[in-house]
Each structure stands twice: as structure tokens, then as C-alpha cells.
Amino acid sequence: MLLNLLTPNPDYASNFVEGVDMAFYVILGISAFFLIGITVAMIYFVYKYSREKNPKAGNVQDNMKLEILWTVIPTILVMGMFYYGWTGWKNMENFPKDAMQVEVTGRMWSWQFTYPNKKQVLIATKVEGKPQEKMFVLPVNKPVTLHLYSPDVIHAFYVPAFRVKQDVTPGVKNKMWFTPTKIGEYDLYCAEYCGRDHSGMIGKVKVVSQADFDKWYNAKEVVNKDEHPGYTALKMCIGCHSTDGTKKVGPSFKGLFGSERTVSTKGDEHTLTADKAYIINSIENPNADISKGFKGGMMTSYKGQFTEKQYNDIIDYLKTIK
């Protein structure tokens, strides 16, 4: 079969590469053929039927055979292009039951992956100026289904080498699947403009052998004893909030707790103290009280994403940043 999309091919990075590339080549080839053909015909007719050679215009009669021909042939070609595209899409929607299920959260500006055993990987461009080395690790020749979620704005999960891309949309439960078929490291991008640091929302997908994956998957996480648990909980927020006073999309965490904040609540400007209630409300209802000098609508609610203990850890951590 020309489009054998479900059988892993070791020559490609994923099971979808062959089908997507074939559809691309078919469409590109047909488009190039007509581009060249129409351009050549146009130049030829301009020369042959120029005013110099035909000073007196003649009447062109209809030709039923010609009209049928240039209707039937393009229809067949368009349906051929549709077939290749539809075949590829149909297989991408045929989710295998034995696939590994991974939860993927796209945020401004990071990717968070949660595996079936609750192991998590956070890929962010920078956390406090330090490049992140963690990768989205997958076993070779094992199908994986990604359940895509965004708590803020539209993102798009895109791995060019795998020929897969899917929107990560707030309020919409999207999912995608693929089978990595070649060991290696592959670029991961956000293909939807999601804000100021969109271009930095990049990472790597690392495909390893099943044995290496099992070893990594079952290994215990190395806990950084020097890292405050409140900082650990807030790592996902560092892309928009600094800890050194630098102004980003949102207010800096430095000196935040206990400070007097000038905010706008439904257009009414007033002052609030950044206590525990203020911090929690800012996380769960971020657009209720907009800090002066910042825009509303830049953050969505994270209600339900933190436990009471994590809130206490966050407060304790914020108290340390003076």
C-alpha cells in the first residue's frame, strides 16, 4: 500500500512522516506542473495572438469537449490531493488503545508533561536565567497519546520531524498521537503565537530505547534540598513573573508579599495589601484586581491547580524575596 501509515518505518522519525511527505509531494508536484504549464501557455498565447500577428480580433466559439476536459481533469487531480490528505488525517484520528497516555500542559511559556506514573517534566526556555535541560522522553516504537491542555492562551504542539501539530486551546480537550520510530533528539516548538516570549517556547523530544526509557521512567526524582518548595510550585509562573524585580508580563515576586499594591477593580483604582488572601485571589481570579502598570486579560485562572499546602509554601517563599 502506498500510504502505510500505521507500520513504524525505521527510516523516519515517526509513523506519520511517510504519509505526510507523500501528500506534500503530490500537492507540490501538481501545483508545480500547473504553475509551469499555465505560465508557458500564457506566454505562448500572448506571443501567438498578439495584436501584431492578429490585428483583427476573431470570435471564439464554445467547445464542449474542451470544457468537459478542463472540468474533469482538475476534478480528478483535486480529488487525488484530497485523498492523500484525508488518508493521512484519518490515520491520525485512529487512536491506538495500547498507547501510553501523557498529559501535556502548554503555558506562557513552557511545556509540562505528566506521565501515567505522575512523573513530570517541565520544559521552559529559562527559569531564573538558567537554560533548562529536561526533555520530553519517549520510548522508540511505542505509540503515545498526548492529552493537550492550556490554562491561559492558544498554543500549538509541533514536532516537525514527526510531522505532527495540534492546537492546545483553553476550554477545548484536544489530543494527538504518534509513534516515534527512530532514536534521537527532535525539536519541539509552539507553532501558535502565544505572547511576548512565544519564540522562546522551545524544547526537545528525546526518543530512547525501551530499556533506557524504563530505567528513566522508574527512577526516583532527585530532589533539590536547597530549593524552596514554594519556588518549586511557582516555577511554571517564572516566565511571566520575575524574582529579581524585573518587569515582565506580570508583577515581580520580589518584595511583593506585604507590600501596598495599587490595583484597578472594575475600573475603580484603590490600594490593597498583598497578604495571603490577595495572593490566592490573584492566582484564582487574576483579572479581578489589576495591578497598576499592567494589562488585564494576560493570565487565566489557576483555581484548583494548587493545594492548601502549596499555597502555604508559596506564601513562605514570597516572604523570603525582599
C-alpha atoms as a PDB file:
ATOM      1  CA  MET A   1       0.000   0.000   0.000  1.00  0.00           C
ATOM      2  CA  LEU A   2       1.341   3.427  -0.965  1.00  0.00           C
ATOM      3  CA  LEU A   3       0.432   5.062   2.351  1.00  0.00           C
ATOM      4  CA  ASN A   4       1.366   2.536   5.002  1.00  0.00           C
ATOM      5  CA  LEU A   5       0.937   4.962   7.891  1.00  0.00           C
ATOM      6  CA  LEU A   6       0.397   2.591  10.780  1.00  0.00           C
ATOM      7  CA  THR A   7       3.535   0.438  10.459  1.00  0.00           C
ATOM      8  CA  PRO A   8       6.657   2.049  12.007  1.00  0.00           C
ATOM      9  CA  ASN A   9       9.396   2.722   9.489  1.00  0.00           C
ATOM     10  CA  PRO A  10      12.912   2.990  10.990  1.00  0.00           C
ATOM     11  CA  ASP A  11      13.961   5.349   8.199  1.00  0.00           C
ATOM     12  CA  TYR A  12      11.632   8.061   9.503  1.00  0.00           C
ATOM     13  CA  ALA A  13      11.308   9.776  12.884  1.00  0.00           C
ATOM     14  CA  SER A  14       7.637   8.808  13.309  1.00  0.00           C
ATOM     15  CA  ASN A  15       4.964   6.668  11.710  1.00  0.00           C
ATOM     16  CA  PHE A  16       3.325   9.714  10.086  1.00  0.00           C
ATOM     17  CA  VAL A  17       6.342  11.040   8.181  1.00  0.00           C
ATOM     18  CA  GLU A  18       5.861   8.935   5.040  1.00  0.00           C
ATOM     19  CA  GLY A  19       2.169   9.754   4.652  1.00  0.00           C
ATOM     20  CA  VAL A  20       2.508  13.492   5.316  1.00  0.00           C
ATOM     21  CA  ASP A  21       5.501  13.778   2.994  1.00  0.00           C
ATOM     22  CA  MET A  22       3.712  11.861   0.241  1.00  0.00           C
ATOM     23  CA  ALA A  23       0.695  14.167   0.474  1.00  0.00           C
ATOM     24  CA  PHE A  24       3.035  17.164   0.371  1.00  0.00           C
ATOM     25  CA  TYR A  25       4.926  15.892  -2.669  1.00  0.00           C
ATOM     26  CA  VAL A  26       1.712  15.070  -4.545  1.00  0.00           C
ATOM     27  CA  ILE A  27       0.226  18.513  -3.913  1.00  0.00           C
ATOM     28  CA  LEU A  28       3.522  20.267  -4.618  1.00  0.00           C
ATOM     29  CA  GLY A  29       4.040  18.276  -7.826  1.00  0.00           C
ATOM     30  CA  ILE A  30       0.550  19.002  -9.177  1.00  0.00           C
ATOM     31  CA  SER A  31       0.827  22.669  -8.224  1.00  0.00           C
ATOM     32  CA  ALA A  32       4.261  22.988  -9.848  1.00  0.00           C
ATOM     33  CA  PHE A  33       3.026  21.248 -13.005  1.00  0.00           C
ATOM     34  CA  PHE A  34       0.148  23.674 -13.432  1.00  0.00           C
ATOM     35  CA  LEU A  35       2.221  26.695 -12.469  1.00  0.00           C
ATOM     36  CA  ILE A  36       4.769  25.911 -15.156  1.00  0.00           C
ATOM     37  CA  GLY A  37       2.174  24.719 -17.684  1.00  0.00           C
ATOM     38  CA  ILE A  38      -0.112  27.738 -17.300  1.00  0.00           C
ATOM     39  CA  THR A  39       2.820  30.154 -17.360  1.00  0.00           C
ATOM     40  CA  VAL A  40       4.234  28.610 -20.545  1.00  0.00           C
ATOM     41  CA  ALA A  41       0.781  28.558 -22.198  1.00  0.00           C
ATOM     42  CA  MET A  42       0.167  32.173 -21.212  1.00  0.00           C
ATOM     43  CA  ILE A  43       3.468  33.335 -22.708  1.00  0.00           C
ATOM     44  CA  TYR A  44       2.824  31.306 -25.865  1.00  0.00           C
ATOM     45  CA  PHE A  45      -0.689  32.727 -26.349  1.00  0.00           C
ATOM     46  CA  VAL A  46       0.494  36.284 -25.681  1.00  0.00           C
ATOM     47  CA  TYR A  47       3.041  35.841 -28.447  1.00  0.00           C
ATOM     48  CA  LYS A  48       0.857  33.906 -30.913  1.00  0.00           C
ATOM     49  CA  TYR A  49      -2.245  36.072 -30.552  1.00  0.00           C
ATOM     50  CA  SER A  50      -0.571  39.436 -30.180  1.00  0.00           C
ATOM     51  CA  ARG A  51      -2.081  42.439 -31.957  1.00  0.00           C
ATOM     52  CA  GLU A  52       0.854  42.462 -34.356  1.00  0.00           C
ATOM     53  CA  LYS A  53       0.056  38.939 -35.576  1.00  0.00           C
ATOM     54  CA  ASN A  54      -3.717  39.270 -35.270  1.00  0.00           C
ATOM     55  CA  PRO A  55      -4.683  42.896 -35.950  1.00  0.00           C
ATOM     56  CA  LYS A  56      -8.332  41.919 -36.194  1.00  0.00           C
ATOM     57  CA  ALA A  57      -9.866  40.030 -33.290  1.00  0.00           C
ATOM     58  CA  GLY A  58     -11.764  36.855 -34.135  1.00  0.00           C
ATOM     59  CA  ASN A  59     -14.782  35.331 -32.428  1.00  0.00           C
ATOM     60  CA  VAL A  60     -14.015  32.279 -30.292  1.00  0.00           C
ATOM     61  CA  GLN A  61     -16.733  29.620 -30.412  1.00  0.00           C
ATOM     62  CA  ASP A  62     -17.519  27.319 -27.478  1.00  0.00           C
ATOM     63  CA  ASN A  63     -16.042  23.835 -27.450  1.00  0.00           C
ATOM     64  CA  MET A  64     -17.977  21.307 -25.366  1.00  0.00           C
ATOM     65  CA  LYS A  65     -15.230  18.683 -25.422  1.00  0.00           C
ATOM     66  CA  LEU A  66     -12.646  21.183 -24.220  1.00  0.00           C
ATOM     67  CA  GLU A  67     -14.920  22.447 -21.449  1.00  0.00           C
ATOM     68  CA  ILE A  68     -15.596  18.904 -20.244  1.00  0.00           C
ATOM     69  CA  LEU A  69     -11.884  18.135 -20.393  1.00  0.00           C
ATOM     70  CA  TRP A  70     -10.775  21.090 -18.295  1.00  0.00           C
ATOM     71  CA  THR A  71     -13.523  20.362 -15.777  1.00  0.00           C
ATOM     72  CA  VAL A  72     -12.972  16.609 -15.408  1.00  0.00           C
ATOM     73  CA  ILE A  73      -9.147  16.631 -15.260  1.00  0.00           C
ATOM     74  CA  PRO A  74      -8.849  19.280 -12.482  1.00  0.00           C
ATOM     75  CA  THR A  75     -11.609  17.496 -10.551  1.00  0.00           C
ATOM     76  CA  ILE A  76      -9.681  14.219 -10.686  1.00  0.00           C
ATOM     77  CA  LEU A  77      -6.461  15.943  -9.612  1.00  0.00           C
ATOM     78  CA  VAL A  78      -8.132  17.817  -6.752  1.00  0.00           C
ATOM     79  CA  MET A  79      -9.799  14.620  -5.542  1.00  0.00           C
ATOM     80  CA  GLY A  80      -6.404  12.909  -5.703  1.00  0.00           C
ATOM     81  CA  MET A  81      -4.891  15.607  -3.480  1.00  0.00           C
ATOM     82  CA  PHE A  82      -7.877  15.294  -1.153  1.00  0.00           C
ATOM     83  CA  TYR A  83      -7.399  11.521  -0.962  1.00  0.00           C
ATOM     84  CA  TYR A  84      -3.786  11.766   0.199  1.00  0.00           C
ATOM     85  CA  GLY A  85      -4.635  14.441   2.767  1.00  0.00           C
ATOM     86  CA  TRP A  86      -7.728  12.616   4.017  1.00  0.00           C
ATOM     87  CA  THR A  87      -5.898   9.277   4.305  1.00  0.00           C
ATOM     88  CA  GLY A  88      -3.213  10.850   6.468  1.00  0.00           C
ATOM     89  CA  TRP A  89      -5.742  12.691   8.638  1.00  0.00           C
ATOM     90  CA  LYS A  90      -7.885   9.572   9.077  1.00  0.00           C
ATOM     91  CA  ASN A  91      -4.969   7.596  10.492  1.00  0.00           C
ATOM     92  CA  MET A  92      -4.028  10.453  12.796  1.00  0.00           C
ATOM     93  CA  GLU A  93      -7.553  10.222  14.242  1.00  0.00           C
ATOM     94  CA  ASN A  94      -7.350   6.439  14.693  1.00  0.00           C
ATOM     95  CA  PHE A  95      -6.022   6.390  18.267  1.00  0.00           C
ATOM     96  CA  PRO A  96      -4.431   3.069  19.319  1.00  0.00           C
ATOM     97  CA  LYS A  97      -5.746   1.559  22.555  1.00  0.00           C
ATOM     98  CA  ASP A  98      -2.307   0.446  23.734  1.00  0.00           C
ATOM     99  CA  ALA A  99      -0.751   3.926  23.515  1.00  0.00           C
ATOM    100  CA  MET A 100       0.966   5.495  26.518  1.00  0.00           C
ATOM    101  CA  GLN A 101      -1.185   8.348  27.827  1.00  0.00           C
ATOM    102  CA  VAL A 102       0.627  11.627  28.605  1.00  0.00           C
ATOM    103  CA  GLU A 103      -0.932  14.858  29.868  1.00  0.00           C
ATOM    104  CA  VAL A 104       0.572  17.946  28.189  1.00  0.00           C
ATOM    105  CA  THR A 105       0.039  21.464  29.545  1.00  0.00           C
ATOM    106  CA  GLY A 106       1.135  24.438  27.468  1.00  0.00           C
ATOM    107  CA  ARG A 107       1.637  27.688  29.357  1.00  0.00           C
ATOM    108  CA  MET A 108       3.202  31.063  28.714  1.00  0.00           C
ATOM    109  CA  TRP A 109       5.943  29.955  28.081  1.00  0.00           C
ATOM    110  CA  SER A 110       6.624  26.357  28.966  1.00  0.00           C
ATOM    111  CA  TRP A 111       5.568  22.769  28.358  1.00  0.00           C
ATOM    112  CA  GLN A 112       4.705  20.461  31.235  1.00  0.00           C
ATOM    113  CA  PHE A 113       4.404  16.700  30.683  1.00  0.00           C
ATOM    114  CA  THR A 114       2.761  14.333  33.176  1.00  0.00           C
ATOM    115  CA  TYR A 115       3.308  10.606  32.616  1.00  0.00           C
ATOM    116  CA  PRO A 116       0.967   7.805  33.758  1.00  0.00           C
ATOM    117  CA  ASN A 117       3.038   7.264  36.936  1.00  0.00           C
ATOM    118  CA  LYS A 118       2.701  11.023  37.720  1.00  0.00           C
ATOM    119  CA  LYS A 119       6.318  11.680  36.800  1.00  0.00           C
ATOM    120  CA  GLN A 120       6.544  15.252  35.488  1.00  0.00           C
ATOM    121  CA  VAL A 121       8.882  17.081  33.145  1.00  0.00           C
ATOM    122  CA  LEU A 122       8.875  20.854  32.788  1.00  0.00           C
ATOM    123  CA  ILE A 123      10.439  22.362  29.677  1.00  0.00           C
ATOM    124  CA  ALA A 124      10.894  26.112  29.904  1.00  0.00           C
ATOM    125  CA  THR A 125      13.254  28.308  27.935  1.00  0.00           C
ATOM    126  CA  LYS A 126      14.705  29.798  31.078  1.00  0.00           C
ATOM    127  CA  VAL A 127      13.984  29.604  34.771  1.00  0.00           C
ATOM    128  CA  GLU A 128      15.709  32.470  36.521  1.00  0.00           C
ATOM    129  CA  GLY A 129      18.105  32.832  33.621  1.00  0.00           C
ATOM    130  CA  LYS A 130      19.173  29.179  33.639  1.00  0.00           C
ATOM    131  CA  PRO A 131      18.574  27.140  30.462  1.00  0.00           C
ATOM    132  CA  GLN A 132      16.509  24.029  31.094  1.00  0.00           C
ATOM    133  CA  GLU A 133      17.989  20.682  30.118  1.00  0.00           C
ATOM    134  CA  LYS A 134      14.957  18.489  30.753  1.00  0.00           C
ATOM    135  CA  MET A 135      13.475  16.773  27.728  1.00  0.00           C
ATOM    136  CA  PHE A 136      10.229  15.069  26.819  1.00  0.00           C
ATOM    137  CA  VAL A 137      11.451  11.467  26.877  1.00  0.00           C
ATOM    138  CA  LEU A 138       9.687   8.736  24.873  1.00  0.00           C
ATOM    139  CA  PRO A 139      10.409   5.084  24.037  1.00  0.00           C
ATOM    140  CA  VAL A 140      11.039   4.123  20.429  1.00  0.00           C
ATOM    141  CA  ASN A 141       8.331   2.173  18.549  1.00  0.00           C
ATOM    142  CA  LYS A 142       5.770   2.764  21.298  1.00  0.00           C
ATOM    143  CA  PRO A 143       2.606   4.759  20.389  1.00  0.00           C
ATOM    144  CA  VAL A 144       1.883   7.708  22.647  1.00  0.00           C
ATOM    145  CA  THR A 145      -1.302   9.757  23.003  1.00  0.00           C
ATOM    146  CA  LEU A 146      -0.938  13.341  24.181  1.00  0.00           C
ATOM    147  CA  HIS A 147      -3.856  14.956  26.005  1.00  0.00           C
ATOM    148  CA  LEU A 148      -3.398  18.673  25.394  1.00  0.00           C
ATOM    149  CA  TYR A 149      -4.468  21.428  27.777  1.00  0.00           C
ATOM    150  CA  SER A 150      -3.823  25.155  28.153  1.00  0.00           C
ATOM    151  CA  PRO A 151      -4.794  27.268  31.180  1.00  0.00           C
ATOM    152  CA  ASP A 152      -4.004  30.597  29.515  1.00  0.00           C
ATOM    153  CA  VAL A 153      -3.886  31.198  25.730  1.00  0.00           C
ATOM    154  CA  ILE A 154      -3.745  29.204  22.494  1.00  0.00           C
ATOM    155  CA  HIS A 155      -0.560  27.215  21.932  1.00  0.00           C
ATOM    156  CA  ALA A 156       0.285  24.570  19.322  1.00  0.00           C
ATOM    157  CA  PHE A 157       2.306  21.437  19.979  1.00  0.00           C
ATOM    158  CA  TYR A 158       4.581  20.937  16.960  1.00  0.00           C
ATOM    159  CA  VAL A 159       7.369  18.430  16.299  1.00  0.00           C
ATOM    160  CA  PRO A 160       8.469  18.967  12.667  1.00  0.00           C
ATOM    161  CA  ALA A 161      10.479  15.736  12.456  1.00  0.00           C
ATOM    162  CA  PHE A 162       7.378  13.733  13.462  1.00  0.00           C
ATOM    163  CA  ARG A 163       5.111  15.695  11.069  1.00  0.00           C
ATOM    164  CA  VAL A 164       2.600  16.291  13.876  1.00  0.00           C
ATOM    165  CA  LYS A 165       0.992  19.528  15.055  1.00  0.00           C
ATOM    166  CA  GLN A 166      -2.085  20.185  17.174  1.00  0.00           C
ATOM    167  CA  ASP A 167      -3.589  23.274  18.787  1.00  0.00           C
ATOM    168  CA  VAL A 168      -3.572  23.488  22.584  1.00  0.00           C
ATOM    169  CA  THR A 169      -6.672  25.574  23.218  1.00  0.00           C
ATOM    170  CA  PRO A 170      -8.183  26.792  26.525  1.00  0.00           C
ATOM    171  CA  GLY A 171     -11.536  25.112  27.138  1.00  0.00           C
ATOM    172  CA  VAL A 172     -11.016  22.528  24.386  1.00  0.00           C
ATOM    173  CA  LYS A 173      -9.874  18.957  25.038  1.00  0.00           C
ATOM    174  CA  ASN A 174      -7.538  18.245  22.141  1.00  0.00           C
ATOM    175  CA  LYS A 175      -5.411  15.166  21.730  1.00  0.00           C
ATOM    176  CA  MET A 176      -2.963  13.706  19.253  1.00  0.00           C
ATOM    177  CA  TRP A 177      -0.917  10.544  18.823  1.00  0.00           C
ATOM    178  CA  PHE A 178       2.160   9.260  17.049  1.00  0.00           C
ATOM    179  CA  THR A 179       4.767   6.515  17.254  1.00  0.00           C
ATOM    180  CA  PRO A 180       8.426   7.589  17.460  1.00  0.00           C
ATOM    181  CA  THR A 181      10.345   5.237  15.201  1.00  0.00           C
ATOM    182  CA  LYS A 182      13.920   6.497  15.379  1.00  0.00           C
ATOM    183  CA  ILE A 183      16.165   7.095  18.388  1.00  0.00           C
ATOM    184  CA  GLY A 184      17.397  10.663  18.652  1.00  0.00           C
ATOM    185  CA  GLU A 185      16.567  14.194  19.762  1.00  0.00           C
ATOM    186  CA  TYR A 186      13.990  16.286  17.924  1.00  0.00           C
ATOM    187  CA  ASP A 187      12.963  19.929  18.131  1.00  0.00           C
ATOM    188  CA  LEU A 188       9.702  20.810  19.862  1.00  0.00           C
ATOM    189  CA  TYR A 189       8.020  24.157  19.137  1.00  0.00           C
ATOM    190  CA  CYS A 190       4.916  26.142  19.906  1.00  0.00           C
ATOM    191  CA  ALA A 191       3.516  26.897  16.443  1.00  0.00           C
ATOM    192  CA  GLU A 192       0.860  29.383  17.601  1.00  0.00           C
ATOM    193  CA  TYR A 193       1.740  32.966  18.546  1.00  0.00           C
ATOM    194  CA  CYS A 194       1.081  32.976  22.295  1.00  0.00           C
ATOM    195  CA  GLY A 195       2.602  36.231  23.501  1.00  0.00           C
ATOM    196  CA  ARG A 196       5.817  38.101  24.012  1.00  0.00           C
ATOM    197  CA  ASP A 197       8.139  35.121  24.534  1.00  0.00           C
ATOM    198  CA  HIS A 198       6.436  32.818  22.035  1.00  0.00           C
ATOM    199  CA  SER A 199       9.663  32.341  20.071  1.00  0.00           C
ATOM    200  CA  GLY A 200      11.369  31.035  23.191  1.00  0.00           C
ATOM    201  CA  MET A 201       8.804  28.304  23.888  1.00  0.00           C
ATOM    202  CA  ILE A 202      11.032  25.556  22.534  1.00  0.00           C
ATOM    203  CA  GLY A 203      12.267  22.218  23.762  1.00  0.00           C
ATOM    204  CA  LYS A 204      13.409  18.748  22.770  1.00  0.00           C
ATOM    205  CA  VAL A 205      11.779  15.354  22.379  1.00  0.00           C
ATOM    206  CA  LYS A 206      14.245  12.607  23.251  1.00  0.00           C
ATOM    207  CA  VAL A 207      13.485   9.164  21.829  1.00  0.00           C
ATOM    208  CA  VAL A 208      15.336   6.316  23.543  1.00  0.00           C
ATOM    209  CA  SER A 209      15.255   2.522  23.615  1.00  0.00           C
ATOM    210  CA  GLN A 210      12.567   0.820  25.683  1.00  0.00           C
ATOM    211  CA  ALA A 211      15.175  -0.320  28.215  1.00  0.00           C
ATOM    212  CA  ASP A 212      16.584   3.202  28.641  1.00  0.00           C
ATOM    213  CA  PHE A 213      13.086   4.627  28.908  1.00  0.00           C
ATOM    214  CA  ASP A 214      12.064   2.116  31.588  1.00  0.00           C
ATOM    215  CA  LYS A 215      15.176   2.991  33.573  1.00  0.00           C
ATOM    216  CA  TRP A 216      14.461   6.734  33.323  1.00  0.00           C
ATOM    217  CA  TYR A 217      10.717   6.310  33.875  1.00  0.00           C
ATOM    218  CA  ASN A 218      11.110   4.303  37.079  1.00  0.00           C
ATOM    219  CA  ALA A 219      13.997   6.316  38.500  1.00  0.00           C
ATOM    220  CA  LYS A 220      13.220   8.400  41.563  1.00  0.00           C
ATOM    221  CA  GLU A 221      13.286  12.143  41.094  1.00  0.00           C
ATOM    222  CA  VAL A 222      16.338  13.817  42.562  1.00  0.00           C
ATOM    223  CA  VAL A 223      15.005  16.377  44.992  1.00  0.00           C
ATOM    224  CA  ASN A 224      16.931  19.612  45.261  1.00  0.00           C
ATOM    225  CA  LYS A 225      17.003  20.095  49.020  1.00  0.00           C
ATOM    226  CA  ASP A 226      18.178  23.679  48.579  1.00  0.00           C
ATOM    227  CA  GLU A 227      15.127  24.609  46.507  1.00  0.00           C
ATOM    228  CA  HIS A 228      12.243  26.119  48.431  1.00  0.00           C
ATOM    229  CA  PRO A 229       9.009  24.134  47.863  1.00  0.00           C
ATOM    230  CA  GLY A 230       7.215  27.408  47.231  1.00  0.00           C
ATOM    231  CA  TYR A 231       9.626  28.186  44.415  1.00  0.00           C
ATOM    232  CA  THR A 232       9.046  24.689  43.022  1.00  0.00           C
ATOM    233  CA  ALA A 233       5.295  25.364  42.937  1.00  0.00           C
ATOM    234  CA  LEU A 234       5.841  28.719  41.225  1.00  0.00           C
ATOM    235  CA  LYS A 235       8.327  27.524  38.586  1.00  0.00           C
ATOM    236  CA  MET A 236       5.597  27.483  35.957  1.00  0.00           C
ATOM    237  CA  CYS A 237       4.973  31.175  36.666  1.00  0.00           C
ATOM    238  CA  ILE A 238       8.552  32.429  36.275  1.00  0.00           C
ATOM    239  CA  GLY A 239       8.050  33.040  32.572  1.00  0.00           C
ATOM    240  CA  CYS A 240       5.666  35.904  33.384  1.00  0.00           C
ATOM    241  CA  HIS A 241       6.816  36.939  36.868  1.00  0.00           C
ATOM    242  CA  SER A 242      10.434  37.569  37.815  1.00  0.00           C
ATOM    243  CA  THR A 243      12.010  37.166  41.268  1.00  0.00           C
ATOM    244  CA  ASP A 244      14.600  39.913  40.847  1.00  0.00           C
ATOM    245  CA  GLY A 245      12.344  42.923  40.320  1.00  0.00           C
ATOM    246  CA  THR A 246      12.440  42.796  36.512  1.00  0.00           C
ATOM    247  CA  LYS A 247       9.116  43.816  34.963  1.00  0.00           C
ATOM    248  CA  LYS A 248       7.632  41.096  32.798  1.00  0.00           C
ATOM    249  CA  VAL A 249       4.060  40.358  31.729  1.00  0.00           C
ATOM    250  CA  GLY A 250       3.017  40.352  35.385  1.00  0.00           C
ATOM    251  CA  PRO A 251       4.353  41.982  38.575  1.00  0.00           C
ATOM    252  CA  SER A 252       7.638  40.721  40.000  1.00  0.00           C
ATOM    253  CA  PHE A 253       7.540  38.437  43.020  1.00  0.00           C
ATOM    254  CA  LYS A 254      10.371  40.414  44.622  1.00  0.00           C
ATOM    255  CA  GLY A 255       9.081  42.462  47.529  1.00  0.00           C
ATOM    256  CA  LEU A 256       5.519  41.510  46.677  1.00  0.00           C
ATOM    257  CA  PHE A 257       4.295  39.984  49.928  1.00  0.00           C
ATOM    258  CA  GLY A 258       3.154  42.586  52.443  1.00  0.00           C
ATOM    259  CA  SER A 259       3.536  45.489  50.021  1.00  0.00           C
ATOM    260  CA  GLU A 260       0.837  48.023  49.215  1.00  0.00           C
ATOM    261  CA  ARG A 261      -0.485  47.451  45.716  1.00  0.00           C
ATOM    262  CA  THR A 262      -2.365  49.988  43.642  1.00  0.00           C
ATOM    263  CA  VAL A 263      -4.945  47.998  41.719  1.00  0.00           C
ATOM    264  CA  SER A 264      -7.948  48.579  39.489  1.00  0.00           C
ATOM    265  CA  THR A 265     -11.115  46.651  40.367  1.00  0.00           C
ATOM    266  CA  LYS A 266     -13.844  47.060  37.773  1.00  0.00           C
ATOM    267  CA  GLY A 267     -12.340  50.418  36.838  1.00  0.00           C
ATOM    268  CA  ASP A 268     -12.081  51.618  40.442  1.00  0.00           C
ATOM    269  CA  GLU A 269      -8.472  52.338  41.446  1.00  0.00           C
ATOM    270  CA  HIS A 270      -7.594  51.682  45.079  1.00  0.00           C
ATOM    271  CA  THR A 271      -4.895  50.181  47.327  1.00  0.00           C
ATOM    272  CA  LEU A 272      -4.660  46.637  48.674  1.00  0.00           C
ATOM    273  CA  THR A 273      -2.155  44.866  50.889  1.00  0.00           C
ATOM    274  CA  ALA A 274      -0.500  41.872  49.252  1.00  0.00           C
ATOM    275  CA  ASP A 275      -1.311  39.394  52.018  1.00  0.00           C
ATOM    276  CA  LYS A 276      -2.185  35.684  51.739  1.00  0.00           C
ATOM    277  CA  ALA A 277      -5.776  36.382  50.679  1.00  0.00           C
ATOM    278  CA  TYR A 278      -4.532  38.775  47.971  1.00  0.00           C
ATOM    279  CA  ILE A 279      -2.003  36.246  46.639  1.00  0.00           C
ATOM    280  CA  ILE A 280      -4.551  33.426  46.483  1.00  0.00           C
ATOM    281  CA  ASN A 281      -7.156  35.662  44.848  1.00  0.00           C
ATOM    282  CA  SER A 282      -4.578  36.809  42.285  1.00  0.00           C
ATOM    283  CA  ILE A 283      -3.914  33.167  41.377  1.00  0.00           C
ATOM    284  CA  GLU A 284      -7.551  32.077  41.261  1.00  0.00           C
ATOM    285  CA  ASN A 285      -9.075  35.346  39.951  1.00  0.00           C
ATOM    286  CA  PRO A 286      -6.166  37.094  38.206  1.00  0.00           C
ATOM    287  CA  ASN A 287      -8.305  39.664  36.406  1.00  0.00           C
ATOM    288  CA  ALA A 288     -10.275  40.804  39.458  1.00  0.00           C
ATOM    289  CA  ASP A 289      -7.650  43.251  40.739  1.00  0.00           C
ATOM    290  CA  ILE A 290      -5.308  44.501  38.003  1.00  0.00           C
ATOM    291  CA  SER A 291      -2.033  45.926  39.303  1.00  0.00           C
ATOM    292  CA  LYS A 292      -1.270  49.444  38.128  1.00  0.00           C
ATOM    293  CA  GLY A 293       1.037  49.457  35.120  1.00  0.00           C
ATOM    294  CA  PHE A 294      -0.085  46.049  33.884  1.00  0.00           C
ATOM    295  CA  LYS A 295      -2.755  44.850  31.479  1.00  0.00           C
ATOM    296  CA  GLY A 296      -5.712  42.681  32.336  1.00  0.00           C
ATOM    297  CA  GLY A 297      -6.576  39.506  30.461  1.00  0.00           C
ATOM    298  CA  MET A 298      -2.946  38.326  30.334  1.00  0.00           C
ATOM    299  CA  MET A 299      -3.500  35.499  32.805  1.00  0.00           C
ATOM    300  CA  THR A 300      -6.289  32.997  33.259  1.00  0.00           C
ATOM    301  CA  SER A 301      -7.442  31.406  36.497  1.00  0.00           C
ATOM    302  CA  TYR A 302      -5.298  28.697  38.091  1.00  0.00           C
ATOM    303  CA  LYS A 303      -8.032  27.782  40.530  1.00  0.00           C
ATOM    304  CA  GLY A 304      -7.777  24.169  41.628  1.00  0.00           C
ATOM    305  CA  GLN A 305      -4.163  23.795  40.484  1.00  0.00           C
ATOM    306  CA  PHE A 306      -2.612  24.312  43.927  1.00  0.00           C
ATOM    307  CA  THR A 307      -3.245  22.534  47.218  1.00  0.00           C
ATOM    308  CA  GLU A 308      -3.527  24.314  50.556  1.00  0.00           C
ATOM    309  CA  LYS A 309      -0.004  23.145  51.426  1.00  0.00           C
ATOM    310  CA  GLN A 310       1.330  24.557  48.158  1.00  0.00           C
ATOM    311  CA  TYR A 311      -0.361  27.880  48.886  1.00  0.00           C
ATOM    312  CA  ASN A 312       1.347  27.958  52.290  1.00  0.00           C
ATOM    313  CA  ASP A 313       4.683  27.100  50.672  1.00  0.00           C
ATOM    314  CA  ILE A 314       4.173  29.867  48.116  1.00  0.00           C
ATOM    315  CA  ILE A 315       3.452  32.413  50.826  1.00  0.00           C
ATOM    316  CA  ASP A 316       6.520  31.319  52.818  1.00  0.00           C
ATOM    317  CA  TYR A 317       8.657  31.608  49.691  1.00  0.00           C
ATOM    318  CA  LEU A 318       7.344  35.059  48.763  1.00  0.00           C
ATOM    319  CA  LYS A 319       8.181  36.268  52.265  1.00  0.00           C
ATOM    320  CA  THR A 320      11.832  35.426  51.603  1.00  0.00           C
ATOM    321  CA  ILE A 321      12.068  37.579  48.451  1.00  0.00           C
ATOM    322  CA  LYS A 322      12.668  41.086  49.733  1.00  0.00           C
END
